[in-house]
C-alpha atoms as a PDB file:
ATOM      1  CA  MET A   1     -36.256   5.187 -19.518  1.00  0.00           C
ATOM      2  CA  THR A   2     -32.891   5.913 -17.954  1.00  0.00           C
ATOM      3  CA  VAL A   3     -31.917   3.906 -14.905  1.00  0.00           C
ATOM      4  CA  PRO A   4     -30.002   6.069 -12.415  1.00  0.00           C
ATOM      5  CA  MET A   5     -26.538   4.846 -11.591  1.00  0.00           C
ATOM      6  CA  THR A   6     -25.875   4.272  -7.927  1.00  0.00           C
ATOM      7  CA  ALA A   7     -22.449   4.275  -6.389  1.00  0.00           C
ATOM      8  CA  VAL A   8     -21.377   0.879  -5.159  1.00  0.00           C
ATOM      9  CA  ALA A   9     -19.447   0.897  -1.914  1.00  0.00           C
ATOM     10  CA  PRO A  10     -15.997  -0.683  -2.163  1.00  0.00           C
ATOM     11  CA  HIS A  11     -14.963  -3.913  -0.497  1.00  0.00           C
ATOM     12  CA  TYR A  12     -11.819  -3.405   1.575  1.00  0.00           C
ATOM     13  CA  LEU A  13      -9.043  -5.829   2.367  1.00  0.00           C
ATOM     14  CA  LEU A  14      -6.324  -4.556   4.700  1.00  0.00           C
ATOM     15  CA  VAL A  15      -3.422  -6.888   5.414  1.00  0.00           C
ATOM     16  CA  GLY A  16      -0.345  -6.421   7.525  1.00  0.00           C
ATOM     17  CA  GLU A  17       1.883  -7.724  10.260  1.00  0.00           C
ATOM     18  CA  THR A  18       3.030  -6.369  13.610  1.00  0.00           C
ATOM     19  CA  SER A  19       5.162  -3.566  12.154  1.00  0.00           C
ATOM     20  CA  ASP A  20       2.131  -2.386  10.135  1.00  0.00           C
ATOM     21  CA  ILE A  21      -0.241  -2.124  13.112  1.00  0.00           C
ATOM     22  CA  PRO A  22       0.131   1.659  13.677  1.00  0.00           C
ATOM     23  CA  LEU A  23      -0.542   2.414   9.994  1.00  0.00           C
ATOM     24  CA  LEU A  24      -3.361  -0.132   9.777  1.00  0.00           C
ATOM     25  CA  ARG A  25      -5.036   1.440  12.811  1.00  0.00           C
ATOM     26  CA  THR A  26      -4.800   4.866  11.160  1.00  0.00           C
ATOM     27  CA  ILE A  27      -6.311   3.501   7.934  1.00  0.00           C
ATOM     28  CA  VAL A  28      -9.133   1.837   9.871  1.00  0.00           C
ATOM     29  CA  GLU A  29      -9.858   5.057  11.796  1.00  0.00           C
ATOM     30  CA  ARG A  30     -10.264   6.889   8.480  1.00  0.00           C
ATOM     31  CA  LEU A  31     -12.611   4.350   6.885  1.00  0.00           C
ATOM     32  CA  PRO A  32     -16.231   5.364   6.424  1.00  0.00           C
ATOM     33  CA  LEU A  33     -18.503   4.139   9.227  1.00  0.00           C
ATOM     34  CA  ASP A  34     -20.319   1.899   6.750  1.00  0.00           C
ATOM     35  CA  ALA A  35     -17.093   0.391   5.313  1.00  0.00           C
ATOM     36  CA  TYR A  36     -17.314  -3.298   4.434  1.00  0.00           C
ATOM     37  CA  GLY A  37     -14.459  -5.771   4.307  1.00  0.00           C
ATOM     38  CA  GLN A  38     -11.766  -7.664   6.136  1.00  0.00           C
ATOM     39  CA  ILE A  39      -8.604  -6.862   8.070  1.00  0.00           C
ATOM     40  CA  PHE A  40      -5.939  -9.549   8.452  1.00  0.00           C
ATOM     41  CA  VAL A  41      -3.038  -8.960  10.834  1.00  0.00           C
ATOM     42  CA  GLU A  42      -0.274 -11.556  11.023  1.00  0.00           C
ATOM     43  CA  VAL A  43       1.335 -11.917  14.457  1.00  0.00           C
ATOM     44  CA  ILE A  44       3.765 -14.380  16.003  1.00  0.00           C
ATOM     45  CA  GLY A  45       1.427 -15.351  18.829  1.00  0.00           C
ATOM     46  CA  HIS A  46      -1.347 -14.483  21.257  1.00  0.00           C
ATOM     47  CA  GLY A  47       0.700 -11.840  23.086  1.00  0.00           C
ATOM     48  CA  GLN A  48       0.616  -9.524  20.055  1.00  0.00           C
ATOM     49  CA  ILE A  49      -3.166  -9.495  19.666  1.00  0.00           C
ATOM     50  CA  GLN A  50      -4.787  -6.139  20.468  1.00  0.00           C
ATOM     51  CA  ASP A  51      -8.297  -4.811  20.951  1.00  0.00           C
ATOM     52  CA  TRP A  52      -9.406  -2.579  18.080  1.00  0.00           C
ATOM     53  CA  ASP A  53     -12.537  -0.654  17.276  1.00  0.00           C
ATOM     54  CA  VAL A  54     -13.447  -1.355  13.675  1.00  0.00           C
ATOM     55  CA  PRO A  55     -16.475  -0.336  11.604  1.00  0.00           C
ATOM     56  CA  GLU A  56     -19.446  -2.630  12.160  1.00  0.00           C
ATOM     57  CA  ASN A  57     -19.178  -4.261   8.720  1.00  0.00           C
ATOM     58  CA  MET A  58     -15.432  -4.901   8.912  1.00  0.00           C
ATOM     59  CA  THR A  59     -14.016  -8.078  10.407  1.00  0.00           C
ATOM     60  CA  LEU A  60     -10.627  -8.208  12.109  1.00  0.00           C
ATOM     61  CA  THR A  61      -8.785 -11.528  11.990  1.00  0.00           C
ATOM     62  CA  TRP A  62      -5.529 -12.142  13.824  1.00  0.00           C
ATOM     63  CA  LEU A  63      -3.373 -14.611  11.882  1.00  0.00           C
ATOM     64  CA  ARG A  64      -1.171 -16.367  14.419  1.00  0.00           C
ATOM     65  CA  ARG A  65       2.028 -17.799  12.982  1.00  0.00           C
ATOM     66  CA  ASP A  66       2.465 -20.050  16.030  1.00  0.00           C
ATOM     67  CA  LEU A  67      -0.800 -21.849  15.195  1.00  0.00           C
ATOM     68  CA  SER A  68       0.007 -22.308  11.524  1.00  0.00           C
ATOM     69  CA  SER A  69       2.762 -24.853  11.262  1.00  0.00           C
ATOM     70  CA  ARG A  70       4.882 -25.305   8.192  1.00  0.00           C
ATOM     71  CA  ALA A  71       4.988 -28.590   6.328  1.00  0.00           C
ATOM     72  CA  TYR A  72       8.154 -29.572   8.193  1.00  0.00           C
ATOM     73  CA  GLY A  73       6.900 -28.283  11.544  1.00  0.00           C
ATOM     74  CA  GLY A  74       7.522 -25.154  13.558  1.00  0.00           C
ATOM     75  CA  VAL A  75       6.181 -21.628  13.368  1.00  0.00           C
ATOM     76  CA  ALA A  76       5.203 -20.309   9.945  1.00  0.00           C
ATOM     77  CA  LEU A  77       7.618 -17.856   8.349  1.00  0.00           C
ATOM     78  CA  ARG A  78       6.882 -14.133   8.353  1.00  0.00           C
ATOM     79  CA  GLY A  79       4.392 -13.310   5.586  1.00  0.00           C
ATOM     80  CA  GLU A  80       3.434 -16.930   4.948  1.00  0.00           C
ATOM     81  CA  VAL A  81       0.107 -16.903   6.801  1.00  0.00           C
ATOM     82  CA  ALA A  82      -0.821 -13.470   5.467  1.00  0.00           C
ATOM     83  CA  SER A  83      -0.112 -14.592   1.888  1.00  0.00           C
ATOM     84  CA  ARG A  84      -2.283 -17.693   2.292  1.00  0.00           C
ATOM     85  CA  ALA A  85      -5.094 -15.599   3.783  1.00  0.00           C
ATOM     86  CA  VAL A  86      -4.967 -13.116   0.887  1.00  0.00           C
ATOM     87  CA  MET A  87      -5.045 -15.882  -1.726  1.00  0.00           C
ATOM     88  CA  ALA A  88      -8.024 -17.506   0.016  1.00  0.00           C
ATOM     89  CA  TRP A  89      -9.769 -14.110   0.148  1.00  0.00           C
ATOM     90  CA  VAL A  90      -9.087 -13.507  -3.557  1.00  0.00           C
ATOM     91  CA  SER A  91     -10.458 -16.955  -4.418  1.00  0.00           C
ATOM     92  CA  GLU A  92     -13.657 -16.217  -2.529  1.00  0.00           C
ATOM     93  CA  TRP A  93     -14.296 -12.566  -3.333  1.00  0.00           C
ATOM     94  CA  ILE A  94     -12.818 -11.654  -6.698  1.00  0.00           C
ATOM     95  CA  PRO A  95     -14.514 -13.345  -9.626  1.00  0.00           C
ATOM     96  CA  GLU A  96     -12.455 -14.426 -12.623  1.00  0.00           C
ATOM     97  CA  ARG A  97     -14.975 -12.723 -14.897  1.00  0.00           C
ATOM     98  CA  LYS A  98     -17.674 -10.095 -14.498  1.00  0.00           C
ATOM     99  CA  SER A  99     -20.456 -11.152 -12.154  1.00  0.00           C
ATOM    100  CA  ALA A 100     -22.884  -9.905  -9.554  1.00  0.00           C
ATOM    101  CA  ARG A 101     -19.957  -9.572  -7.105  1.00  0.00           C
ATOM    102  CA  ASP A 102     -17.958  -7.345  -9.427  1.00  0.00           C
ATOM    103  CA  LEU A 103     -17.467  -4.635  -6.801  1.00  0.00           C
ATOM    104  CA  PRO A 104     -14.769  -2.037  -6.505  1.00  0.00           C
ATOM    105  CA  TYR A 105     -12.024  -3.648  -4.417  1.00  0.00           C
ATOM    106  CA  ILE A 106      -9.516  -1.658  -2.388  1.00  0.00           C
ATOM    107  CA  LEU A 107      -6.571  -3.625  -1.037  1.00  0.00           C
ATOM    108  CA  TRP A 108      -3.776  -2.432   1.197  1.00  0.00           C
ATOM    109  CA  ILE A 109      -1.144  -5.123   1.661  1.00  0.00           C
ATOM    110  CA  GLY A 110       1.650  -4.425   4.125  1.00  0.00           C
ATOM    111  CA  CYS A 111       4.292  -6.914   5.268  1.00  0.00           C
ATOM    112  CA  SER A 112       6.876  -4.854   3.392  1.00  0.00           C
ATOM    113  CA  ALA A 113      10.308  -6.269   2.680  1.00  0.00           C
ATOM    114  CA  ASN A 114       8.837  -9.773   2.620  1.00  0.00           C
ATOM    115  CA  ASP A 115       9.626 -11.591  -0.619  1.00  0.00           C
ATOM    116  CA  GLU A 116       6.570 -13.857  -0.511  1.00  0.00           C
ATOM    117  CA  VAL A 117       4.206 -10.924   0.008  1.00  0.00           C
ATOM    118  CA  ASP A 118       5.999  -8.880  -2.674  1.00  0.00           C
ATOM    119  CA  ARG A 119       5.482 -11.732  -5.178  1.00  0.00           C
ATOM    120  CA  LEU A 120       1.826 -11.948  -4.175  1.00  0.00           C
ATOM    121  CA  TYR A 121       1.400  -8.190  -4.662  1.00  0.00           C
ATOM    122  CA  HIS A 122       2.866  -8.374  -8.186  1.00  0.00           C
ATOM    123  CA  HIS A 123       0.721 -11.410  -9.000  1.00  0.00           C
ATOM    124  CA  LEU A 124      -2.446  -9.556  -7.971  1.00  0.00           C
ATOM    125  CA  LEU A 125      -1.386  -6.368  -9.730  1.00  0.00           C
ATOM    126  CA  HIS A 126      -0.965  -8.181 -13.067  1.00  0.00           C
ATOM    127  CA  ARG A 127      -3.882 -10.611 -12.750  1.00  0.00           C
ATOM    128  CA  PHE A 128      -6.690  -8.253 -11.718  1.00  0.00           C
ATOM    129  CA  GLU A 129      -6.764  -4.913 -13.479  1.00  0.00           C
ATOM    130  CA  ARG A 130      -9.785  -3.624 -11.543  1.00  0.00           C
ATOM    131  CA  LEU A 131      -8.100  -3.755  -8.126  1.00  0.00           C
ATOM    132  CA  HIS A 132      -7.196  -0.573  -6.315  1.00  0.00           C
ATOM    133  CA  LEU A 133      -4.023  -2.009  -4.792  1.00  0.00           C
ATOM    134  CA  HIS A 134      -1.453  -0.493  -2.401  1.00  0.00           C
ATOM    135  CA  HIS A 135       1.763  -1.895  -0.946  1.00  0.00           C
ATOM    136  CA  PRO A 136       4.238   0.203   1.109  1.00  0.00           C
ATOM    137  CA  ASP A 137       7.208  -0.726  -1.077  1.00  0.00           C
ATOM    138  CA  PHE A 138       5.463  -0.037  -4.379  1.00  0.00           C
ATOM    139  CA  GLY A 139       3.151   2.928  -3.762  1.00  0.00           C
END
């Protein structure tokens, strides 16, 4: 007996900062209505938070740098909060080995020209071969 293969919907992670908002909004508008995943947008503070319509199964999280202090105090550096959020997401969602949660993952990571985010992108690119990964500076 042959078991029919069913397509598994991808899990999306879209990450950016204020300069990425127009492109992120365009990406979100083009997602399928049943898209599943998370959107993280790093902003300096409350004044940069916007209302967005997102697919029902997507969550939008605003990462405020002013609420995430550095070890020595003050506002977190650009890209720092986004990088921590991505690493936490990877720890939760992407298994180290094949498992029941071995879904297709599609990641778009903005925050271009940020060294910390660029290092994170390269780390993910080399560590997880099954990621469909995009970054504005690297294609």
